[in-house]
Amino acid sequence: MGLAELFILAVGLSMDAFAVSICKGLCMRKVTVKKAGIVGLYFGAFQAGMPLLGYALGVQFQDRITALDHWIAFVLLGLIGTNMIREALSKGEEDCVCPTDEKEELGAKNMLLLAVATSIDALAVGVTFAFLKVQIIPAVSFIGIITFSLSAAGVKIGNVFGVRYKSKAELAGGIILILMGTKILLEHLGVF
């Protein structure tokens, strides 16, 4: 997996965190570098850590299912992407709910729950990394940095523009993940 593909994948994975960061920014009276950094750090760390955990799990099964690895990557990325698109297009989309206490907004309990929830899909991507024999440390570092940057920017964007871009970010992320899965499958089948 090349740097350009990894960048596209990192952006796709970070769209959930970006969307939640927009909500965080919407709830803040004043955005500071520290507040944006806290949000970015939580989301970036979990988006980097979950693929690492998925990779560790995937390595255990890598030798047994090498003939199917491209299909597994295709299905996992396709399912994650489809779910993101479904959430982005759902009519019953929930609005951002802001707690009354702004300190609670960035509290460890709240941020940990959100960081885990937005990074579950990265766990599955980590499994595919094991099958594709991706160099995991540079890959997860890159994903973490991209997610940190987009999440910190999302806080400011949410504070300035509101939730206007939330569903568009999730839609774009879903499309990116489906395209990456399709590319992996087509490369393995010799189409590219």
N, C-alpha and C. Protein backbone atom coordinates (compact mmCIF):
# COMPACT_ATOMS: atom_id res chain seq x y z
N MET A 1 0.85 -1.17 0.00
CA MET A 1 0.00 0.00 0.00
C MET A 1 0.89 1.23 0.00
N GLY A 2 0.72 2.07 -1.01
CA GLY A 2 1.54 3.26 -1.15
C GLY A 2 1.08 4.40 -0.25
N LEU A 3 1.87 5.46 -0.23
CA LEU A 3 1.58 6.62 0.62
C LEU A 3 0.27 7.29 0.21
N ALA A 4 0.02 7.41 -1.08
CA ALA A 4 -1.22 8.05 -1.54
C ALA A 4 -2.43 7.23 -1.12
N GLU A 5 -2.34 5.90 -1.25
CA GLU A 5 -3.45 5.03 -0.84
C GLU A 5 -3.67 5.11 0.66
N LEU A 6 -2.58 5.14 1.41
CA LEU A 6 -2.67 5.22 2.86
C LEU A 6 -3.29 6.56 3.28
N PHE A 7 -2.92 7.62 2.59
CA PHE A 7 -3.50 8.93 2.89
C PHE A 7 -5.01 8.93 2.65
N ILE A 8 -5.42 8.38 1.52
CA ILE A 8 -6.85 8.32 1.20
C ILE A 8 -7.59 7.48 2.22
N LEU A 9 -7.01 6.36 2.60
CA LEU A 9 -7.61 5.49 3.61
C LEU A 9 -7.70 6.20 4.96
N ALA A 10 -6.64 6.91 5.33
CA ALA A 10 -6.63 7.64 6.61
C ALA A 10 -7.71 8.72 6.63
N VAL A 11 -7.87 9.42 5.53
CA VAL A 11 -8.91 10.44 5.45
C VAL A 11 -10.29 9.78 5.57
N GLY A 12 -10.49 8.68 4.86
CA GLY A 12 -11.76 7.97 4.95
C GLY A 12 -12.08 7.50 6.36
N LEU A 13 -11.08 6.94 7.04
CA LEU A 13 -11.27 6.47 8.41
C LEU A 13 -11.56 7.61 9.37
N SER A 14 -10.98 8.75 9.13
CA SER A 14 -11.10 9.86 10.07
C SER A 14 -12.40 10.65 9.92
N MET A 15 -13.22 10.32 8.94
CA MET A 15 -14.43 11.11 8.72
C MET A 15 -15.45 11.00 9.85
N ASP A 16 -15.56 9.86 10.51
CA ASP A 16 -16.44 9.76 11.67
C ASP A 16 -15.96 10.69 12.78
N ALA A 17 -14.67 10.66 13.06
CA ALA A 17 -14.10 11.52 14.09
C ALA A 17 -14.25 12.99 13.71
N PHE A 18 -14.07 13.29 12.43
CA PHE A 18 -14.24 14.65 11.94
C PHE A 18 -15.68 15.13 12.17
N ALA A 19 -16.65 14.27 11.88
CA ALA A 19 -18.06 14.63 12.05
C ALA A 19 -18.37 14.89 13.53
N VAL A 20 -17.86 14.05 14.41
CA VAL A 20 -18.09 14.25 15.85
C VAL A 20 -17.37 15.50 16.33
N SER A 21 -16.20 15.77 15.77
CA SER A 21 -15.46 16.98 16.13
C SER A 21 -16.23 18.24 15.75
N ILE A 22 -16.92 18.19 14.63
CA ILE A 22 -17.76 19.32 14.23
C ILE A 22 -18.82 19.57 15.31
N CYS A 23 -19.43 18.49 15.81
CA CYS A 23 -20.42 18.63 16.88
C CYS A 23 -19.79 19.21 18.14
N LYS A 24 -18.58 18.75 18.45
CA LYS A 24 -17.88 19.29 19.62
C LYS A 24 -17.67 20.79 19.48
N GLY A 25 -17.23 21.22 18.30
CA GLY A 25 -17.01 22.64 18.06
C GLY A 25 -18.29 23.45 18.15
N LEU A 26 -19.37 22.86 17.68
CA LEU A 26 -20.67 23.54 17.74
C LEU A 26 -21.08 23.81 19.18
N CYS A 27 -20.73 22.91 20.09
CA CYS A 27 -21.12 23.04 21.49
C CYS A 27 -20.23 24.00 22.28
N MET A 28 -19.09 24.37 21.74
CA MET A 28 -18.16 25.21 22.49
C MET A 28 -18.45 26.69 22.25
N ARG A 29 -18.46 27.43 23.37
CA ARG A 29 -18.64 28.89 23.23
C ARG A 29 -17.42 29.51 22.57
N LYS A 30 -16.24 29.05 23.01
CA LYS A 30 -14.99 29.57 22.45
C LYS A 30 -14.05 28.39 22.21
N VAL A 31 -13.54 28.30 21.01
CA VAL A 31 -12.59 27.26 20.67
C VAL A 31 -11.17 27.77 20.91
N THR A 32 -10.40 26.98 21.63
CA THR A 32 -8.99 27.30 21.85
C THR A 32 -8.14 26.19 21.23
N VAL A 33 -6.88 26.48 21.08
CA VAL A 33 -5.95 25.47 20.55
C VAL A 33 -5.92 24.26 21.50
N LYS A 34 -5.98 24.51 22.80
CA LYS A 34 -5.95 23.42 23.78
C LYS A 34 -7.18 22.52 23.60
N LYS A 35 -8.36 23.10 23.46
CA LYS A 35 -9.59 22.30 23.31
C LYS A 35 -9.56 21.50 22.01
N ALA A 36 -9.17 22.15 20.93
CA ALA A 36 -9.08 21.43 19.65
C ALA A 36 -8.02 20.34 19.72
N GLY A 37 -6.92 20.60 20.43
CA GLY A 37 -5.86 19.61 20.60
C GLY A 37 -6.31 18.40 21.41
N ILE A 38 -7.11 18.64 22.44
CA ILE A 38 -7.63 17.54 23.26
C ILE A 38 -8.50 16.62 22.41
N VAL A 39 -9.41 17.20 21.65
CA VAL A 39 -10.29 16.41 20.77
C VAL A 39 -9.45 15.65 19.75
N GLY A 40 -8.52 16.35 19.10
CA GLY A 40 -7.65 15.72 18.11
C GLY A 40 -6.82 14.60 18.70
N LEU A 41 -6.32 14.79 19.91
CA LEU A 41 -5.48 13.78 20.55
C LEU A 41 -6.27 12.51 20.87
N TYR A 42 -7.45 12.67 21.43
CA TYR A 42 -8.28 11.48 21.72
C TYR A 42 -8.58 10.71 20.44
N PHE A 43 -9.10 11.41 19.44
CA PHE A 43 -9.51 10.73 18.21
C PHE A 43 -8.30 10.19 17.44
N GLY A 44 -7.23 10.95 17.37
CA GLY A 44 -6.02 10.50 16.67
C GLY A 44 -5.40 9.28 17.32
N ALA A 45 -5.35 9.28 18.66
CA ALA A 45 -4.75 8.15 19.37
C ALA A 45 -5.56 6.87 19.17
N PHE A 46 -6.87 6.98 19.23
CA PHE A 46 -7.69 5.79 19.06
C PHE A 46 -7.74 5.32 17.61
N GLN A 47 -7.72 6.25 16.66
CA GLN A 47 -7.70 5.86 15.25
C GLN A 47 -6.36 5.19 14.91
N ALA A 48 -5.31 5.50 15.64
CA ALA A 48 -4.02 4.84 15.43
C ALA A 48 -3.94 3.53 16.19
N GLY A 49 -4.49 3.51 17.40
CA GLY A 49 -4.40 2.32 18.24
C GLY A 49 -5.27 1.16 17.79
N MET A 50 -6.46 1.46 17.29
CA MET A 50 -7.36 0.38 16.89
C MET A 50 -6.83 -0.43 15.70
N PRO A 51 -6.27 0.20 14.65
CA PRO A 51 -5.71 -0.63 13.58
C PRO A 51 -4.52 -1.46 14.06
N LEU A 52 -3.78 -0.94 15.02
CA LEU A 52 -2.67 -1.70 15.58
C LEU A 52 -3.20 -2.95 16.29
N LEU A 53 -4.27 -2.80 17.04
CA LEU A 53 -4.90 -3.95 17.70
C LEU A 53 -5.46 -4.93 16.66
N GLY A 54 -6.13 -4.40 15.64
CA GLY A 54 -6.66 -5.25 14.56
C GLY A 54 -5.56 -5.99 13.83
N TYR A 55 -4.45 -5.32 13.62
CA TYR A 55 -3.29 -5.94 12.97
C TYR A 55 -2.78 -7.11 13.80
N ALA A 56 -2.67 -6.89 15.12
CA ALA A 56 -2.19 -7.95 16.01
C ALA A 56 -3.12 -9.16 15.96
N LEU A 57 -4.41 -8.91 15.87
CA LEU A 57 -5.37 -10.02 15.74
C LEU A 57 -5.27 -10.68 14.37
N GLY A 58 -5.15 -9.89 13.33
CA GLY A 58 -5.10 -10.41 11.96
C GLY A 58 -3.87 -11.24 11.68
N VAL A 59 -2.75 -10.87 12.28
CA VAL A 59 -1.50 -11.61 12.08
C VAL A 59 -1.66 -13.06 12.55
N GLN A 60 -2.49 -13.28 13.54
CA GLN A 60 -2.70 -14.63 14.07
C GLN A 60 -3.33 -15.55 13.02
N PHE A 61 -4.10 -14.98 12.10
CA PHE A 61 -4.82 -15.79 11.11
C PHE A 61 -4.27 -15.63 9.70
N GLN A 62 -3.31 -14.77 9.53
CA GLN A 62 -2.79 -14.40 8.22
C GLN A 62 -2.37 -15.60 7.37
N ASP A 63 -1.63 -16.52 7.93
CA ASP A 63 -1.12 -17.65 7.16
C ASP A 63 -2.22 -18.62 6.73
N ARG A 64 -3.28 -18.69 7.51
CA ARG A 64 -4.35 -19.64 7.23
C ARG A 64 -5.29 -19.19 6.12
N ILE A 65 -5.38 -17.89 5.89
CA ILE A 65 -6.38 -17.42 4.92
C ILE A 65 -5.79 -16.48 3.87
N THR A 66 -4.56 -16.70 3.50
CA THR A 66 -3.92 -15.84 2.50
C THR A 66 -4.63 -15.86 1.16
N ALA A 67 -5.23 -16.95 0.80
CA ALA A 67 -5.93 -17.03 -0.49
C ALA A 67 -7.17 -16.15 -0.52
N LEU A 68 -7.68 -15.80 0.65
CA LEU A 68 -8.91 -15.00 0.72
C LEU A 68 -8.68 -13.58 1.21
N ASP A 69 -7.43 -13.20 1.47
CA ASP A 69 -7.16 -11.92 2.11
C ASP A 69 -7.74 -10.73 1.36
N HIS A 70 -7.65 -10.74 0.03
CA HIS A 70 -8.17 -9.63 -0.76
C HIS A 70 -9.69 -9.55 -0.67
N TRP A 71 -10.35 -10.70 -0.59
CA TRP A 71 -11.81 -10.72 -0.44
C TRP A 71 -12.20 -10.21 0.94
N ILE A 72 -11.44 -10.57 1.97
CA ILE A 72 -11.72 -10.11 3.32
C ILE A 72 -11.57 -8.59 3.39
N ALA A 73 -10.48 -8.06 2.82
CA ALA A 73 -10.29 -6.61 2.80
C ALA A 73 -11.43 -5.92 2.06
N PHE A 74 -11.82 -6.48 0.91
CA PHE A 74 -12.91 -5.92 0.12
C PHE A 74 -14.22 -5.90 0.91
N VAL A 75 -14.55 -7.01 1.55
CA VAL A 75 -15.81 -7.10 2.29
C VAL A 75 -15.80 -6.18 3.52
N LEU A 76 -14.71 -6.20 4.30
CA LEU A 76 -14.66 -5.36 5.49
C LEU A 76 -14.73 -3.87 5.14
N LEU A 77 -13.93 -3.44 4.19
CA LEU A 77 -13.95 -2.03 3.80
C LEU A 77 -15.30 -1.66 3.18
N GLY A 78 -15.87 -2.57 2.40
CA GLY A 78 -17.18 -2.32 1.81
C GLY A 78 -18.28 -2.18 2.85
N LEU A 79 -18.26 -3.06 3.85
CA LEU A 79 -19.27 -2.99 4.91
C LEU A 79 -19.13 -1.71 5.74
N ILE A 80 -17.91 -1.38 6.09
CA ILE A 80 -17.68 -0.16 6.86
C ILE A 80 -18.12 1.06 6.06
N GLY A 81 -17.72 1.11 4.79
CA GLY A 81 -18.09 2.24 3.94
C GLY A 81 -19.58 2.34 3.73
N THR A 82 -20.24 1.21 3.51
CA THR A 82 -21.69 1.21 3.32
C THR A 82 -22.40 1.69 4.58
N ASN A 83 -21.92 1.27 5.73
CA ASN A 83 -22.52 1.72 6.99
C ASN A 83 -22.36 3.24 7.16
N MET A 84 -21.18 3.76 6.81
CA MET A 84 -20.97 5.21 6.91
C MET A 84 -21.91 5.97 5.96
N ILE A 85 -22.08 5.45 4.75
CA ILE A 85 -22.97 6.10 3.79
C ILE A 85 -24.41 6.04 4.30
N ARG A 86 -24.81 4.88 4.83
CA ARG A 86 -26.17 4.73 5.35
C ARG A 86 -26.42 5.74 6.48
N GLU A 87 -25.47 5.88 7.38
CA GLU A 87 -25.61 6.83 8.48
C GLU A 87 -25.68 8.27 7.96
N ALA A 88 -24.89 8.58 6.95
CA ALA A 88 -24.88 9.93 6.41
C ALA A 88 -26.19 10.27 5.72
N LEU A 89 -26.83 9.28 5.10
CA LEU A 89 -28.06 9.52 4.35
C LEU A 89 -29.33 9.27 5.15
N SER A 90 -29.19 8.77 6.38
CA SER A 90 -30.39 8.44 7.16
C SER A 90 -31.16 9.72 7.48
N LYS A 91 -32.46 9.62 7.34
CA LYS A 91 -33.31 10.78 7.57
C LYS A 91 -33.44 11.11 9.05
N GLY A 92 -33.31 10.11 9.90
CA GLY A 92 -33.44 10.32 11.33
C GLY A 92 -32.12 10.70 11.98
N GLU A 93 -31.29 11.42 11.26
CA GLU A 93 -29.97 11.76 11.78
C GLU A 93 -30.10 12.61 13.03
N GLU A 94 -29.37 12.21 14.05
CA GLU A 94 -29.46 12.94 15.30
C GLU A 94 -28.62 14.21 15.22
N ASP A 95 -29.13 15.24 15.87
CA ASP A 95 -28.38 16.48 15.94
C ASP A 95 -27.36 16.38 17.05
N CYS A 96 -26.46 17.31 17.07
CA CYS A 96 -25.47 17.33 18.13
C CYS A 96 -26.17 17.67 19.45
N VAL A 97 -25.86 16.90 20.48
CA VAL A 97 -26.42 17.16 21.79
C VAL A 97 -25.31 17.74 22.64
N CYS A 98 -25.55 18.94 23.14
CA CYS A 98 -24.53 19.63 23.92
C CYS A 98 -24.84 19.53 25.41
N PRO A 99 -23.86 19.09 26.21
CA PRO A 99 -24.08 19.06 27.66
C PRO A 99 -24.14 20.48 28.21
N THR A 100 -24.80 20.62 29.35
CA THR A 100 -24.93 21.95 29.94
C THR A 100 -23.60 22.45 30.50
N ASP A 101 -22.76 21.56 30.94
CA ASP A 101 -21.45 21.92 31.50
C ASP A 101 -20.38 21.71 30.43
N GLU A 102 -19.73 22.79 30.01
CA GLU A 102 -18.73 22.68 28.95
C GLU A 102 -17.52 21.84 29.36
N LYS A 103 -17.21 21.77 30.67
CA LYS A 103 -16.11 20.92 31.14
C LYS A 103 -16.43 19.46 30.89
N GLU A 104 -17.72 19.10 31.00
CA GLU A 104 -18.15 17.73 30.74
C GLU A 104 -17.95 17.35 29.28
N GLU A 105 -18.03 18.34 28.41
CA GLU A 105 -17.89 18.11 26.96
C GLU A 105 -16.55 17.47 26.61
N LEU A 106 -15.49 17.87 27.28
CA LEU A 106 -14.15 17.33 27.01
C LEU A 106 -13.65 16.43 28.13
N GLY A 107 -14.54 16.00 28.99
CA GLY A 107 -14.18 15.10 30.09
C GLY A 107 -13.70 13.76 29.55
N ALA A 108 -12.89 13.08 30.35
CA ALA A 108 -12.29 11.81 29.91
C ALA A 108 -13.35 10.77 29.57
N LYS A 109 -14.39 10.64 30.40
CA LYS A 109 -15.43 9.64 30.15
C LYS A 109 -16.12 9.88 28.81
N ASN A 110 -16.53 11.10 28.57
CA ASN A 110 -17.22 11.47 27.32
C ASN A 110 -16.30 11.25 26.11
N MET A 111 -15.07 11.72 26.21
CA MET A 111 -14.15 11.63 25.08
C MET A 111 -13.73 10.19 24.80
N LEU A 112 -13.54 9.39 25.85
CA LEU A 112 -13.18 7.98 25.64
C LEU A 112 -14.29 7.22 24.91
N LEU A 113 -15.53 7.44 25.32
CA LEU A 113 -16.66 6.78 24.66
C LEU A 113 -16.73 7.17 23.19
N LEU A 114 -16.58 8.44 22.90
CA LEU A 114 -16.64 8.91 21.51
C LEU A 114 -15.45 8.40 20.70
N ALA A 115 -14.27 8.40 21.30
CA ALA A 115 -13.08 7.94 20.59
C ALA A 115 -13.19 6.46 20.23
N VAL A 116 -13.70 5.65 21.16
CA VAL A 116 -13.88 4.23 20.87
C VAL A 116 -14.94 4.04 19.79
N ALA A 117 -16.06 4.75 19.94
CA ALA A 117 -17.16 4.60 18.98
C ALA A 117 -16.75 4.98 17.56
N THR A 118 -15.93 6.02 17.43
CA THR A 118 -15.54 6.46 16.09
C THR A 118 -14.38 5.67 15.51
N SER A 119 -13.76 4.80 16.31
CA SER A 119 -12.59 4.08 15.80
C SER A 119 -12.80 2.58 15.67
N ILE A 120 -13.99 2.09 15.89
CA ILE A 120 -14.25 0.65 15.76
C ILE A 120 -13.96 0.18 14.33
N ASP A 121 -14.33 0.98 13.35
CA ASP A 121 -14.07 0.59 11.96
C ASP A 121 -12.57 0.48 11.69
N ALA A 122 -11.76 1.26 12.39
CA ALA A 122 -10.31 1.19 12.21
C ALA A 122 -9.75 -0.15 12.70
N LEU A 123 -10.43 -0.78 13.65
CA LEU A 123 -10.02 -2.10 14.11
C LEU A 123 -10.10 -3.11 12.96
N ALA A 124 -11.20 -3.07 12.22
CA ALA A 124 -11.36 -3.97 11.07
C ALA A 124 -10.34 -3.68 9.98
N VAL A 125 -10.03 -2.41 9.78
CA VAL A 125 -9.02 -2.05 8.79
C VAL A 125 -7.66 -2.59 9.21
N GLY A 126 -7.38 -2.59 10.51
CA GLY A 126 -6.13 -3.16 10.99
C GLY A 126 -6.00 -4.64 10.66
N VAL A 127 -7.12 -5.36 10.72
CA VAL A 127 -7.12 -6.78 10.33
C VAL A 127 -6.72 -6.90 8.86
N THR A 128 -7.27 -6.04 8.02
CA THR A 128 -6.92 -6.10 6.59
C THR A 128 -5.46 -5.73 6.37
N PHE A 129 -4.92 -4.84 7.21
CA PHE A 129 -3.50 -4.49 7.10
C PHE A 129 -2.63 -5.73 7.28
N ALA A 130 -3.02 -6.61 8.20
CA ALA A 130 -2.24 -7.82 8.45
C ALA A 130 -2.23 -8.70 7.21
N PHE A 131 -3.37 -8.83 6.55
CA PHE A 131 -3.47 -9.66 5.35
C PHE A 131 -2.70 -9.06 4.18
N LEU A 132 -2.66 -7.73 4.13
CA LEU A 132 -1.98 -7.05 3.03
C LEU A 132 -0.50 -6.81 3.31
N LYS A 133 -0.05 -7.24 4.50
CA LYS A 133 1.35 -7.09 4.91
C LYS A 133 1.83 -5.64 4.87
N VAL A 134 1.00 -4.75 5.39
CA VAL A 134 1.31 -3.33 5.47
C VAL A 134 2.31 -3.11 6.60
N GLN A 135 3.26 -2.20 6.41
CA GLN A 135 4.17 -1.82 7.49
C GLN A 135 3.35 -1.05 8.51
N ILE A 136 3.06 -1.69 9.63
CA ILE A 136 2.02 -1.21 10.53
C ILE A 136 2.38 0.07 11.30
N ILE A 137 3.58 0.20 11.78
CA ILE A 137 3.93 1.37 12.59
C ILE A 137 3.84 2.67 11.78
N PRO A 138 4.45 2.74 10.59
CA PRO A 138 4.26 3.97 9.81
C PRO A 138 2.80 4.19 9.42
N ALA A 139 2.08 3.12 9.14
CA ALA A 139 0.68 3.25 8.71
C ALA A 139 -0.19 3.81 9.83
N VAL A 140 -0.08 3.23 11.03
CA VAL A 140 -0.94 3.72 12.12
C VAL A 140 -0.51 5.11 12.59
N SER A 141 0.77 5.41 12.50
CA SER A 141 1.23 6.76 12.84
C SER A 141 0.63 7.77 11.88
N PHE A 142 0.63 7.44 10.62
CA PHE A 142 0.08 8.32 9.59
C PHE A 142 -1.42 8.52 9.81
N ILE A 143 -2.13 7.43 10.08
CA ILE A 143 -3.58 7.51 10.33
C ILE A 143 -3.85 8.38 11.55
N GLY A 144 -3.06 8.21 12.60
CA GLY A 144 -3.24 9.02 13.81
C GLY A 144 -3.01 10.50 13.55
N ILE A 145 -1.97 10.82 12.79
CA ILE A 145 -1.66 12.23 12.50
C ILE A 145 -2.76 12.86 11.64
N ILE A 146 -3.22 12.14 10.63
CA ILE A 146 -4.29 12.66 9.77
C ILE A 146 -5.56 12.87 10.59
N THR A 147 -5.92 11.89 11.42
CA THR A 147 -7.12 12.01 12.24
C THR A 147 -6.99 13.15 13.24
N PHE A 148 -5.83 13.27 13.87
CA PHE A 148 -5.60 14.38 14.80
C PHE A 148 -5.84 15.71 14.09
N SER A 149 -5.23 15.87 12.92
CA SER A 149 -5.33 17.13 12.19
C SER A 149 -6.77 17.44 11.78
N LEU A 150 -7.45 16.45 11.21
CA LEU A 150 -8.82 16.68 10.76
C LEU A 150 -9.78 16.90 11.94
N SER A 151 -9.55 16.20 13.04
CA SER A 151 -10.42 16.37 14.20
C SER A 151 -10.23 17.74 14.84
N ALA A 152 -8.99 18.17 14.97
CA ALA A 152 -8.74 19.50 15.53
C ALA A 152 -9.35 20.57 14.62
N ALA A 153 -9.20 20.40 13.31
CA ALA A 153 -9.81 21.36 12.38
C ALA A 153 -11.34 21.28 12.44
N GLY A 154 -11.89 20.07 12.64
CA GLY A 154 -13.33 19.90 12.73
C GLY A 154 -13.95 20.66 13.88
N VAL A 155 -13.23 20.76 15.00
CA VAL A 155 -13.72 21.53 16.14
C VAL A 155 -13.92 22.99 15.73
N LYS A 156 -12.94 23.56 15.06
CA LYS A 156 -13.04 24.95 14.62
C LYS A 156 -14.13 25.12 13.56
N ILE A 157 -14.19 24.19 12.62
CA ILE A 157 -15.21 24.25 11.56
C ILE A 157 -16.61 24.18 12.17
N GLY A 158 -16.80 23.28 13.13
CA GLY A 158 -18.09 23.16 13.79
C GLY A 158 -18.47 24.42 14.54
N ASN A 159 -17.49 25.05 15.16
CA ASN A 159 -17.74 26.27 15.90
C ASN A 159 -18.13 27.42 14.98
N VAL A 160 -17.55 27.43 13.79
CA VAL A 160 -17.82 28.51 12.84
C VAL A 160 -19.05 28.24 11.98
N PHE A 161 -19.16 27.03 11.45
CA PHE A 161 -20.19 26.74 10.45
C PHE A 161 -21.35 25.87 10.95
N GLY A 162 -21.22 25.26 12.13
CA GLY A 162 -22.28 24.37 12.59
C GLY A 162 -22.15 22.99 11.97
N VAL A 163 -23.25 22.24 11.91
CA VAL A 163 -23.21 20.85 11.47
C VAL A 163 -23.42 20.69 9.97
N ARG A 164 -23.28 21.72 9.24
CA ARG A 164 -23.51 21.69 7.80
C ARG A 164 -22.70 20.61 7.07
N TYR A 165 -21.49 20.33 7.54
CA TYR A 165 -20.60 19.40 6.83
C TYR A 165 -20.54 18.01 7.44
N LYS A 166 -21.28 17.77 8.52
CA LYS A 166 -21.19 16.49 9.23
C LYS A 166 -21.57 15.30 8.34
N SER A 167 -22.74 15.33 7.74
CA SER A 167 -23.17 14.17 6.93
C SER A 167 -22.36 14.07 5.64
N LYS A 168 -21.93 15.19 5.10
CA LYS A 168 -21.10 15.14 3.89
C LYS A 168 -19.76 14.48 4.17
N ALA A 169 -19.20 14.71 5.36
CA ALA A 169 -17.94 14.09 5.74
C ALA A 169 -18.11 12.58 5.87
N GLU A 170 -19.20 12.14 6.51
CA GLU A 170 -19.44 10.70 6.65
C GLU A 170 -19.69 10.05 5.29
N LEU A 171 -20.41 10.72 4.42
CA LEU A 171 -20.67 10.19 3.08
C LEU A 171 -19.36 10.03 2.30
N ALA A 172 -18.52 11.07 2.34
CA ALA A 172 -17.22 11.00 1.63
C ALA A 172 -16.36 9.88 2.20
N GLY A 173 -16.33 9.73 3.51
CA GLY A 173 -15.54 8.67 4.13
C GLY A 173 -16.00 7.29 3.70
N GLY A 174 -17.31 7.09 3.64
CA GLY A 174 -17.85 5.80 3.20
C GLY A 174 -17.49 5.47 1.77
N ILE A 175 -17.61 6.45 0.91
CA ILE A 175 -17.27 6.24 -0.51
C ILE A 175 -15.79 5.90 -0.66
N ILE A 176 -14.94 6.61 0.08
CA ILE A 176 -13.50 6.36 0.01
C ILE A 176 -13.18 4.93 0.43
N LEU A 177 -13.78 4.46 1.52
CA LEU A 177 -13.48 3.11 2.00
C LEU A 177 -13.95 2.04 1.02
N ILE A 178 -15.12 2.23 0.41
CA ILE A 178 -15.61 1.28 -0.59
C ILE A 178 -14.67 1.25 -1.79
N LEU A 179 -14.24 2.41 -2.25
CA LEU A 179 -13.33 2.47 -3.39
C LEU A 179 -11.98 1.81 -3.08
N MET A 180 -11.48 2.00 -1.85
CA MET A 180 -10.21 1.37 -1.47
C MET A 180 -10.35 -0.15 -1.47
N GLY A 181 -11.46 -0.66 -0.92
CA GLY A 181 -11.69 -2.11 -0.91
C GLY A 181 -11.78 -2.67 -2.31
N THR A 182 -12.47 -1.95 -3.19
CA THR A 182 -12.60 -2.37 -4.58
C THR A 182 -11.25 -2.38 -5.27
N LYS A 183 -10.43 -1.36 -5.01
CA LYS A 183 -9.10 -1.29 -5.61
C LYS A 183 -8.24 -2.47 -5.17
N ILE A 184 -8.28 -2.80 -3.88
CA ILE A 184 -7.50 -3.93 -3.36
C ILE A 184 -7.91 -5.22 -4.08
N LEU A 185 -9.22 -5.43 -4.21
CA LEU A 185 -9.71 -6.64 -4.86
C LEU A 185 -9.29 -6.69 -6.33
N LEU A 186 -9.47 -5.58 -7.04
CA LEU A 186 -9.14 -5.56 -8.46
C LEU A 186 -7.64 -5.74 -8.71
N GLU A 187 -6.81 -5.16 -7.85
CA GLU A 187 -5.35 -5.36 -7.98
C GLU A 187 -5.00 -6.83 -7.80
N HIS A 188 -5.60 -7.48 -6.82
CA HIS A 188 -5.30 -8.89 -6.57
C HIS A 188 -5.78 -9.78 -7.71
N LEU A 189 -6.91 -9.41 -8.31
CA LEU A 189 -7.44 -10.20 -9.43
C LEU A 189 -6.73 -9.91 -10.75
N GLY A 190 -5.79 -8.94 -10.74
CA GLY A 190 -5.00 -8.64 -11.92
C GLY A 190 -5.63 -7.65 -12.87
N VAL A 191 -6.69 -6.96 -12.43
CA VAL A 191 -7.34 -5.97 -13.30
C VAL A 191 -6.48 -4.72 -13.41
N PHE A 192 -5.80 -4.34 -12.32
CA PHE A 192 -4.90 -3.18 -12.34
C PHE A 192 -3.48 -3.63 -12.37
